[in-house]
Amino acid sequence: MSRINDVGGMAGFPAIAEEPDEPPFHADWEAHVFALNGALIKRGVYNLDEFRDAIERMPPEEYLAASYYERWFTAITTLLAEKGVASPGELDVPRG
């Protein structure tokens, strides 16, 4: 089954623009999401395969509109709700 992240060989996508000397994070929140994911995996809340699957299950329109770390954040909140660690209401975060 092909998912939205599996676009190899598809036409119609723009070229990937590389940024010379690009920083690993463009904003502090991205570093926080990176650290949070590592901590949750290390504590056994979920594993890397579950994390990747949660990203790949995003609806195509959301996946394509999201930045790299927005996808990570979506996967984290999805898994926390699915695992019963937090309720969906507790995970509502204002975006903007």
PDB file of N, CA and C in Angstrom:
ATOM      1  N   MET A   1       0.841  -1.175   0.000  1.00  0.00           N
ATOM      2  CA  MET A   1       0.000   0.000   0.000  1.00  0.00           C
ATOM      3  C   MET A   1       0.891   1.244   0.000  1.00  0.00           C
ATOM      4  N   SER A   2       0.673   2.124  -0.918  1.00  0.00           N
ATOM      5  CA  SER A   2       1.444   3.357  -1.013  1.00  0.00           C
ATOM      6  C   SER A   2       0.781   4.450  -0.174  1.00  0.00           C
ATOM      7  N   ARG A   3       1.596   5.163   0.580  1.00  0.00           N
ATOM      8  CA  ARG A   3       1.112   6.286   1.383  1.00  0.00           C
ATOM      9  C   ARG A   3       1.690   7.579   0.833  1.00  0.00           C
ATOM     10  N   ILE A   4       1.210   8.700   1.352  1.00  0.00           N
ATOM     11  CA  ILE A   4       1.597  10.002   0.811  1.00  0.00           C
ATOM     12  C   ILE A   4       3.099  10.259   0.918  1.00  0.00           C
ATOM     13  N   ASN A   5       3.760   9.691   1.922  1.00  0.00           N
ATOM     14  CA  ASN A   5       5.191   9.918   2.063  1.00  0.00           C
ATOM     15  C   ASN A   5       5.997   9.132   1.031  1.00  0.00           C
ATOM     16  N   ASP A   6       5.386   8.168   0.358  1.00  0.00           N
ATOM     17  CA  ASP A   6       6.080   7.325  -0.608  1.00  0.00           C
ATOM     18  C   ASP A   6       5.859   7.885  -2.007  1.00  0.00           C
ATOM     19  N   VAL A   7       6.594   8.939  -2.336  1.00  0.00           N
ATOM     20  CA  VAL A   7       6.386   9.636  -3.605  1.00  0.00           C
ATOM     21  C   VAL A   7       7.509   9.377  -4.608  1.00  0.00           C
ATOM     22  N   GLY A   8       8.359   8.417  -4.305  1.00  0.00           N
ATOM     23  CA  GLY A   8       9.452   8.115  -5.224  1.00  0.00           C
ATOM     24  C   GLY A   8       8.941   7.793  -6.619  1.00  0.00           C
ATOM     25  N   GLY A   9       9.489   8.459  -7.603  1.00  0.00           N
ATOM     26  CA  GLY A   9       9.105   8.220  -8.986  1.00  0.00           C
ATOM     27  C   GLY A   9       7.862   8.967  -9.440  1.00  0.00           C
ATOM     28  N   MET A  10       7.200   9.686  -8.522  1.00  0.00           N
ATOM     29  CA  MET A  10       6.015  10.447  -8.920  1.00  0.00           C
ATOM     30  C   MET A  10       6.428  11.781  -9.542  1.00  0.00           C
ATOM     31  N   ALA A  11       5.651  12.219 -10.494  1.00  0.00           N
ATOM     32  CA  ALA A  11       5.900  13.502 -11.138  1.00  0.00           C
ATOM     33  C   ALA A  11       5.025  14.571 -10.499  1.00  0.00           C
ATOM     34  N   GLY A  12       5.407  15.839 -10.706  1.00  0.00           N
ATOM     35  CA  GLY A  12       4.576  16.947 -10.265  1.00  0.00           C
ATOM     36  C   GLY A  12       5.020  17.601  -8.969  1.00  0.00           C
ATOM     37  N   PHE A  13       6.088  17.118  -8.374  1.00  0.00           N
ATOM     38  CA  PHE A  13       6.587  17.731  -7.151  1.00  0.00           C
ATOM     39  C   PHE A  13       7.759  18.649  -7.489  1.00  0.00           C
ATOM     40  N   PRO A  14       7.881  19.774  -6.777  1.00  0.00           N
ATOM     41  CA  PRO A  14       8.981  20.694  -7.073  1.00  0.00           C
ATOM     42  C   PRO A  14      10.320  20.089  -6.665  1.00  0.00           C
ATOM     43  N   ALA A  15      11.373  20.661  -7.208  1.00  0.00           N
ATOM     44  CA  ALA A  15      12.723  20.230  -6.842  1.00  0.00           C
ATOM     45  C   ALA A  15      12.968  20.529  -5.364  1.00  0.00           C
ATOM     46  N   ILE A  16      13.816  19.743  -4.755  1.00  0.00           N
ATOM     47  CA  ILE A  16      14.175  19.963  -3.357  1.00  0.00           C
ATOM     48  C   ILE A  16      15.241  21.042  -3.305  1.00  0.00           C
ATOM     49  N   ALA A  17      14.940  22.107  -2.572  1.00  0.00           N
ATOM     50  CA  ALA A  17      15.891  23.219  -2.441  1.00  0.00           C
ATOM     51  C   ALA A  17      16.787  22.948  -1.242  1.00  0.00           C
ATOM     52  N   GLU A  18      18.070  22.839  -1.486  1.00  0.00           N
ATOM     53  CA  GLU A  18      19.023  22.623  -0.403  1.00  0.00           C
ATOM     54  C   GLU A  18      19.500  23.967   0.123  1.00  0.00           C
ATOM     55  N   GLU A  19      19.609  24.051   1.430  1.00  0.00           N
ATOM     56  CA  GLU A  19      20.119  25.253   2.067  1.00  0.00           C
ATOM     57  C   GLU A  19      21.550  24.995   2.531  1.00  0.00           C
ATOM     58  N   PRO A  20      22.528  25.673   1.937  1.00  0.00           N
ATOM     59  CA  PRO A  20      23.899  25.489   2.432  1.00  0.00           C
ATOM     60  C   PRO A  20      23.981  25.939   3.895  1.00  0.00           C
ATOM     61  N   ASP A  21      24.667  25.170   4.701  1.00  0.00           N
ATOM     62  CA  ASP A  21      24.846  25.489   6.122  1.00  0.00           C
ATOM     63  C   ASP A  21      23.518  25.617   6.864  1.00  0.00           C
ATOM     64  N   GLU A  22      22.536  24.836   6.453  1.00  0.00           N
ATOM     65  CA  GLU A  22      21.226  24.872   7.100  1.00  0.00           C
ATOM     66  C   GLU A  22      21.357  24.409   8.552  1.00  0.00           C
ATOM     67  N   PRO A  23      20.755  25.149   9.487  1.00  0.00           N
ATOM     68  CA  PRO A  23      20.815  24.709  10.889  1.00  0.00           C
ATOM     69  C   PRO A  23      19.920  23.487  11.096  1.00  0.00           C
ATOM     70  N   PRO A  24      20.209  22.672  12.115  1.00  0.00           N
ATOM     71  CA  PRO A  24      19.364  21.498  12.344  1.00  0.00           C
ATOM     72  C   PRO A  24      17.933  21.871  12.748  1.00  0.00           C
ATOM     73  N   PHE A  25      17.777  23.022  13.383  1.00  0.00           N
ATOM     74  CA  PHE A  25      16.460  23.486  13.812  1.00  0.00           C
ATOM     75  C   PHE A  25      16.302  24.942  13.399  1.00  0.00           C
ATOM     76  N   HIS A  26      15.113  25.282  12.887  1.00  0.00           N
ATOM     77  CA  HIS A  26      14.841  26.656  12.483  1.00  0.00           C
ATOM     78  C   HIS A  26      14.168  27.458  13.588  1.00  0.00           C
ATOM     79  N   ALA A  27      13.687  26.764  14.614  1.00  0.00           N
ATOM     80  CA  ALA A  27      13.024  27.415  15.752  1.00  0.00           C
ATOM     81  C   ALA A  27      13.223  26.534  16.984  1.00  0.00           C
ATOM     82  N   ASP A  28      13.134  27.155  18.156  1.00  0.00           N
ATOM     83  CA  ASP A  28      13.322  26.409  19.404  1.00  0.00           C
ATOM     84  C   ASP A  28      12.328  25.258  19.551  1.00  0.00           C
ATOM     85  N   TRP A  29      11.079  25.462  19.121  1.00  0.00           N
ATOM     86  CA  TRP A  29      10.070  24.420  19.303  1.00  0.00           C
ATOM     87  C   TRP A  29      10.455  23.147  18.556  1.00  0.00           C
ATOM     88  N   GLU A  30      11.173  23.273  17.438  1.00  0.00           N
ATOM     89  CA  GLU A  30      11.592  22.092  16.697  1.00  0.00           C
ATOM     90  C   GLU A  30      12.574  21.255  17.523  1.00  0.00           C
ATOM     91  N   ALA A  31      13.496  21.919  18.201  1.00  0.00           N
ATOM     92  CA  ALA A  31      14.443  21.213  19.067  1.00  0.00           C
ATOM     93  C   ALA A  31      13.710  20.532  20.217  1.00  0.00           C
ATOM     94  N   HIS A  32      12.673  21.179  20.729  1.00  0.00           N
ATOM     95  CA  HIS A  32      11.893  20.591  21.822  1.00  0.00           C
ATOM     96  C   HIS A  32      11.154  19.337  21.351  1.00  0.00           C
ATOM     97  N   VAL A  33      10.594  19.373  20.153  1.00  0.00           N
ATOM     98  CA  VAL A  33       9.895  18.209  19.600  1.00  0.00           C
ATOM     99  C   VAL A  33      10.897  17.068  19.389  1.00  0.00           C
ATOM    100  N   PHE A  34      12.072  17.386  18.884  1.00  0.00           N
ATOM    101  CA  PHE A  34      13.113  16.378  18.687  1.00  0.00           C
ATOM    102  C   PHE A  34      13.473  15.710  20.021  1.00  0.00           C
ATOM    103  N   ALA A  35      13.689  16.520  21.054  1.00  0.00           N
ATOM    104  CA  ALA A  35      14.053  15.997  22.370  1.00  0.00           C
ATOM    105  C   ALA A  35      12.908  15.195  22.990  1.00  0.00           C
ATOM    106  N   LEU A  36      11.694  15.691  22.858  1.00  0.00           N
ATOM    107  CA  LEU A  36      10.534  14.994  23.407  1.00  0.00           C
ATOM    108  C   LEU A  36      10.387  13.613  22.779  1.00  0.00           C
ATOM    109  N   ASN A  37      10.537  13.530  21.467  1.00  0.00           N
ATOM    110  CA  ASN A  37      10.424  12.245  20.782  1.00  0.00           C
ATOM    111  C   ASN A  37      11.477  11.265  21.296  1.00  0.00           C
ATOM    112  N   GLY A  38      12.706  11.729  21.424  1.00  0.00           N
ATOM    113  CA  GLY A  38      13.771  10.862  21.926  1.00  0.00           C
ATOM    114  C   GLY A  38      13.486  10.363  23.330  1.00  0.00           C
ATOM    115  N   ALA A  39      12.972  11.246  24.175  1.00  0.00           N
ATOM    116  CA  ALA A  39      12.664  10.869  25.560  1.00  0.00           C
ATOM    117  C   ALA A  39      11.528   9.849  25.615  1.00  0.00           C
ATOM    118  N   LEU A  40      10.509  10.042  24.800  1.00  0.00           N
ATOM    119  CA  LEU A  40       9.369   9.123  24.804  1.00  0.00           C
ATOM    120  C   LEU A  40       9.757   7.747  24.275  1.00  0.00           C
ATOM    121  N   ILE A  41      10.600   7.707  23.270  1.00  0.00           N
ATOM    122  CA  ILE A  41      11.087   6.429  22.753  1.00  0.00           C
ATOM    123  C   ILE A  41      11.961   5.746  23.804  1.00  0.00           C
ATOM    124  N   LYS A  42      12.861   6.502  24.420  1.00  0.00           N
ATOM    125  CA  LYS A  42      13.761   5.936  25.430  1.00  0.00           C
ATOM    126  C   LYS A  42      12.988   5.369  26.625  1.00  0.00           C
ATOM    127  N   ARG A  43      11.896   6.012  26.992  1.00  0.00           N
ATOM    128  CA  ARG A  43      11.079   5.549  28.134  1.00  0.00           C
ATOM    129  C   ARG A  43      10.127   4.418  27.744  1.00  0.00           C
ATOM    130  N   GLY A  44      10.090   4.074  26.467  1.00  0.00           N
ATOM    131  CA  GLY A  44       9.269   2.957  26.025  1.00  0.00           C
ATOM    132  C   GLY A  44       7.803   3.282  25.823  1.00  0.00           C
ATOM    133  N   VAL A  45       7.482   4.557  25.715  1.00  0.00           N
ATOM    134  CA  VAL A  45       6.086   4.936  25.481  1.00  0.00           C
ATOM    135  C   VAL A  45       5.644   4.428  24.104  1.00  0.00           C
ATOM    136  N   TYR A  46       6.532   4.518  23.138  1.00  0.00           N
ATOM    137  CA  TYR A  46       6.332   3.962  21.803  1.00  0.00           C
ATOM    138  C   TYR A  46       7.700   3.699  21.214  1.00  0.00           C
ATOM    139  N   ASN A  47       7.725   3.012  20.083  1.00  0.00           N
ATOM    140  CA  ASN A  47       9.017   2.746  19.457  1.00  0.00           C
ATOM    141  C   ASN A  47       9.127   3.493  18.125  1.00  0.00           C
ATOM    142  N   LEU A  48      10.288   3.409  17.535  1.00  0.00           N
ATOM    143  CA  LEU A  48      10.553   4.155  16.311  1.00  0.00           C
ATOM    144  C   LEU A  48       9.648   3.723  15.165  1.00  0.00           C
ATOM    145  N   ASP A  49       9.347   2.431  15.086  1.00  0.00           N
ATOM    146  CA  ASP A  49       8.458   1.959  14.024  1.00  0.00           C
ATOM    147  C   ASP A  49       7.050   2.538  14.187  1.00  0.00           C
ATOM    148  N   GLU A  50       6.564   2.603  15.427  1.00  0.00           N
ATOM    149  CA  GLU A  50       5.247   3.190  15.678  1.00  0.00           C
ATOM    150  C   GLU A  50       5.251   4.679  15.337  1.00  0.00           C
ATOM    151  N   PHE A  51       6.336   5.348  15.667  1.00  0.00           N
ATOM    152  CA  PHE A  51       6.462   6.779  15.363  1.00  0.00           C
ATOM    153  C   PHE A  51       6.405   7.018  13.856  1.00  0.00           C
ATOM    154  N   ARG A  52       7.183   6.239  13.130  1.00  0.00           N
ATOM    155  CA  ARG A  52       7.193   6.383  11.670  1.00  0.00           C
ATOM    156  C   ARG A  52       5.808   6.099  11.087  1.00  0.00           C
ATOM    157  N   ASP A  53       5.157   5.043  11.575  1.00  0.00           N
ATOM    158  CA  ASP A  53       3.823   4.710  11.090  1.00  0.00           C
ATOM    159  C   ASP A  53       2.830   5.836  11.369  1.00  0.00           C
ATOM    160  N   ALA A  54       2.947   6.462  12.535  1.00  0.00           N
ATOM    161  CA  ALA A  54       2.035   7.567  12.873  1.00  0.00           C
ATOM    162  C   ALA A  54       2.209   8.732  11.905  1.00  0.00           C
ATOM    163  N   ILE A  55       3.435   8.999  11.507  1.00  0.00           N
ATOM    164  CA  ILE A  55       3.669  10.049  10.504  1.00  0.00           C
ATOM    165  C   ILE A  55       3.031   9.638   9.178  1.00  0.00           C
ATOM    166  N   GLU A  56       3.253   8.407   8.780  1.00  0.00           N
ATOM    167  CA  GLU A  56       2.766   7.927   7.482  1.00  0.00           C
ATOM    168  C   GLU A  56       1.248   7.811   7.428  1.00  0.00           C
ATOM    169  N   ARG A  57       0.591   7.754   8.575  1.00  0.00           N
ATOM    170  CA  ARG A  57      -0.881   7.680   8.613  1.00  0.00           C
ATOM    171  C   ARG A  57      -1.548   9.052   8.536  1.00  0.00           C
ATOM    172  N   MET A  58      -0.752  10.119   8.537  1.00  0.00           N
ATOM    173  CA  MET A  58      -1.354  11.451   8.437  1.00  0.00           C
ATOM    174  C   MET A  58      -2.145  11.560   7.137  1.00  0.00           C
ATOM    175  N   PRO A  59      -3.295  12.249   7.177  1.00  0.00           N
ATOM    176  CA  PRO A  59      -4.028  12.474   5.926  1.00  0.00           C
ATOM    177  C   PRO A  59      -3.125  13.204   4.925  1.00  0.00           C
ATOM    178  N   PRO A  60      -3.189  12.830   3.653  1.00  0.00           N
ATOM    179  CA  PRO A  60      -2.292  13.414   2.657  1.00  0.00           C
ATOM    180  C   PRO A  60      -2.240  14.943   2.664  1.00  0.00           C
ATOM    181  N   GLU A  61      -3.414  15.585   2.784  1.00  0.00           N
ATOM    182  CA  GLU A  61      -3.416  17.059   2.742  1.00  0.00           C
ATOM    183  C   GLU A  61      -2.692  17.643   3.951  1.00  0.00           C
ATOM    184  N   GLU A  62      -2.809  17.006   5.114  1.00  0.00           N
ATOM    185  CA  GLU A  62      -2.099  17.477   6.312  1.00  0.00           C
ATOM    186  C   GLU A  62      -0.601  17.203   6.188  1.00  0.00           C
ATOM    187  N   TYR A  63      -0.253  16.022   5.698  1.00  0.00           N
ATOM    188  CA  TYR A  63       1.150  15.655   5.521  1.00  0.00           C
ATOM    189  C   TYR A  63       1.859  16.660   4.611  1.00  0.00           C
ATOM    190  N   LEU A  64       1.246  16.953   3.470  1.00  0.00           N
ATOM    191  CA  LEU A  64       1.878  17.847   2.497  1.00  0.00           C
ATOM    192  C   LEU A  64       1.949  19.292   2.987  1.00  0.00           C
ATOM    193  N   ALA A  65       1.011  19.705   3.839  1.00  0.00           N
ATOM    194  CA  ALA A  65       1.002  21.082   4.345  1.00  0.00           C
ATOM    195  C   ALA A  65       1.926  21.275   5.542  1.00  0.00           C
ATOM    196  N   ALA A  66       2.368  20.187   6.153  1.00  0.00           N
ATOM    197  CA  ALA A  66       3.150  20.271   7.388  1.00  0.00           C
ATOM    198  C   ALA A  66       4.649  20.323   7.107  1.00  0.00           C
ATOM    199  N   SER A  67       5.353  21.000   8.008  1.00  0.00           N
ATOM    200  CA  SER A  67       6.809  20.976   7.943  1.00  0.00           C
ATOM    201  C   SER A  67       7.310  19.663   8.545  1.00  0.00           C
ATOM    202  N   TYR A  68       8.585  19.410   8.435  1.00  0.00           N
ATOM    203  CA  TYR A  68       9.191  18.178   8.945  1.00  0.00           C
ATOM    204  C   TYR A  68       8.864  17.953  10.416  1.00  0.00           C
ATOM    205  N   TYR A  69       9.124  18.957  11.254  1.00  0.00           N
ATOM    206  CA  TYR A  69       8.886  18.783  12.685  1.00  0.00           C
ATOM    207  C   TYR A  69       7.418  18.930  13.057  1.00  0.00           C
ATOM    208  N   GLU A  70       6.603  19.549  12.230  1.00  0.00           N
ATOM    209  CA  GLU A  70       5.153  19.516  12.454  1.00  0.00           C
ATOM    210  C   GLU A  70       4.640  18.089  12.286  1.00  0.00           C
ATOM    211  N   ARG A  71       5.211  17.354  11.337  1.00  0.00           N
ATOM    212  CA  ARG A  71       4.843  15.950  11.164  1.00  0.00           C
ATOM    213  C   ARG A  71       5.256  15.151  12.402  1.00  0.00           C
ATOM    214  N   TRP A  72       6.424  15.421  12.914  1.00  0.00           N
ATOM    215  CA  TRP A  72       6.884  14.742  14.130  1.00  0.00           C
ATOM    216  C   TRP A  72       5.921  15.031  15.277  1.00  0.00           C
ATOM    217  N   PHE A  73       5.543  16.288  15.448  1.00  0.00           N
ATOM    218  CA  PHE A  73       4.655  16.672  16.546  1.00  0.00           C
ATOM    219  C   PHE A  73       3.295  15.992  16.407  1.00  0.00           C
ATOM    220  N   THR A  74       2.787  15.944  15.185  1.00  0.00           N
ATOM    221  CA  THR A  74       1.516  15.266  14.939  1.00  0.00           C
ATOM    222  C   THR A  74       1.620  13.794  15.315  1.00  0.00           C
ATOM    223  N   ALA A  75       2.711  13.146  14.937  1.00  0.00           N
ATOM    224  CA  ALA A  75       2.902  11.731  15.278  1.00  0.00           C
ATOM    225  C   ALA A  75       2.972  11.539  16.788  1.00  0.00           C
ATOM    226  N   ILE A  76       3.695  12.403  17.478  1.00  0.00           N
ATOM    227  CA  ILE A  76       3.814  12.299  18.938  1.00  0.00           C
ATOM    228  C   ILE A  76       2.443  12.431  19.592  1.00  0.00           C
ATOM    229  N   THR A  77       1.684  13.449  19.232  1.00  0.00           N
ATOM    230  CA  THR A  77       0.376  13.649  19.862  1.00  0.00           C
ATOM    231  C   THR A  77      -0.577  12.511  19.506  1.00  0.00           C
ATOM    232  N   THR A  78      -0.493  12.011  18.284  1.00  0.00           N
ATOM    233  CA  THR A  78      -1.318  10.867  17.886  1.00  0.00           C
ATOM    234  C   THR A  78      -1.017   9.662  18.761  1.00  0.00           C
ATOM    235  N   LEU A  79       0.261   9.359  18.926  1.00  0.00           N
ATOM    236  CA  LEU A  79       0.646   8.181  19.704  1.00  0.00           C
ATOM    237  C   LEU A  79       0.326   8.350  21.193  1.00  0.00           C
ATOM    238  N   LEU A  80       0.499   9.534  21.729  1.00  0.00           N
ATOM    239  CA  LEU A  80       0.167   9.752  23.139  1.00  0.00           C
ATOM    240  C   LEU A  80      -1.319   9.518  23.393  1.00  0.00           C
ATOM    241  N   ALA A  81      -2.158   9.935  22.453  1.00  0.00           N
ATOM    242  CA  ALA A  81      -3.597   9.702  22.588  1.00  0.00           C
ATOM    243  C   ALA A  81      -3.915   8.217  22.406  1.00  0.00           C
ATOM    244  N   GLU A  82      -3.327   7.591  21.392  1.00  0.00           N
ATOM    245  CA  GLU A  82      -3.600   6.176  21.140  1.00  0.00           C
ATOM    246  C   GLU A  82      -3.136   5.281  22.286  1.00  0.00           C
ATOM    247  N   LYS A  83      -2.054   5.651  22.937  1.00  0.00           N
ATOM    248  CA  LYS A  83      -1.507   4.856  24.040  1.00  0.00           C
ATOM    249  C   LYS A  83      -2.190   5.171  25.372  1.00  0.00           C
ATOM    250  N   GLY A  84      -3.076   6.183  25.384  1.00  0.00           N
ATOM    251  CA  GLY A  84      -3.778   6.550  26.608  1.00  0.00           C
ATOM    252  C   GLY A  84      -2.928   7.333  27.587  1.00  0.00           C
ATOM    253  N   VAL A  85      -1.820   7.870  27.109  1.00  0.00           N
ATOM    254  CA  VAL A  85      -0.949   8.673  27.968  1.00  0.00           C
ATOM    255  C   VAL A  85      -1.583  10.033  28.234  1.00  0.00           C
ATOM    256  N   ALA A  86      -2.284  10.548  27.259  1.00  0.00           N
ATOM    257  CA  ALA A  86      -2.977  11.836  27.376  1.00  0.00           C
ATOM    258  C   ALA A  86      -4.250  11.764  26.550  1.00  0.00           C
ATOM    259  N   SER A  87      -5.243  12.515  26.978  1.00  0.00           N
ATOM    260  CA  SER A  87      -6.486  12.552  26.209  1.00  0.00           C
ATOM    261  C   SER A  87      -6.315  13.515  25.043  1.00  0.00           C
ATOM    262  N   PRO A  88      -7.092  13.336  23.979  1.00  0.00           N
ATOM    263  CA  PRO A  88      -6.999  14.275  22.857  1.00  0.00           C
ATOM    264  C   PRO A  88      -7.183  15.735  23.290  1.00  0.00           C
ATOM    265  N   GLY A  89      -8.071  15.992  24.250  1.00  0.00           N
ATOM    266  CA  GLY A  89      -8.276  17.364  24.723  1.00  0.00           C
ATOM    267  C   GLY A  89      -7.046  17.949  25.384  1.00  0.00           C
ATOM    268  N   GLU A  90      -6.313  17.114  26.102  1.00  0.00           N
ATOM    269  CA  GLU A  90      -5.081  17.580  26.741  1.00  0.00           C
ATOM    270  C   GLU A  90      -4.001  17.908  25.721  1.00  0.00           C
ATOM    271  N   LEU A  91      -4.119  17.329  24.552  1.00  0.00           N
ATOM    272  CA  LEU A  91      -3.105  17.516  23.525  1.00  0.00           C
ATOM    273  C   LEU A  91      -3.427  18.619  22.531  1.00  0.00           C
ATOM    274  N   ASP A  92      -4.605  19.253  22.688  1.00  0.00           N
ATOM    275  CA  ASP A  92      -4.954  20.369  21.808  1.00  0.00           C
ATOM    276  C   ASP A  92      -3.969  21.504  22.030  1.00  0.00           C
ATOM    277  N   VAL A  93      -3.293  21.857  20.964  1.00  0.00           N
ATOM    278  CA  VAL A  93      -2.301  22.930  21.039  1.00  0.00           C
ATOM    279  C   VAL A  93      -2.692  23.989  20.021  1.00  0.00           C
ATOM    280  N   PRO A  94      -2.784  25.244  20.468  1.00  0.00           N
ATOM    281  CA  PRO A  94      -3.105  26.291  19.494  1.00  0.00           C
ATOM    282  C   PRO A  94      -2.015  26.370  18.435  1.00  0.00           C
ATOM    283  N   ARG A  95      -2.423  26.462  17.209  1.00  0.00           N
ATOM    284  CA  ARG A  95      -1.452  26.565  16.109  1.00  0.00           C
ATOM    285  C   ARG A  95      -1.580  27.940  15.489  1.00  0.00           C
ATOM    286  N   GLY A  96      -0.478  28.410  15.002  1.00  0.00           N
ATOM    287  CA  GLY A  96      -0.577  29.694  14.340  1.00  0.00           C
ATOM    288  C   GLY A  96       0.635  30.454  14.293  1.00  0.00           C
TER     289      GLY A  96
END
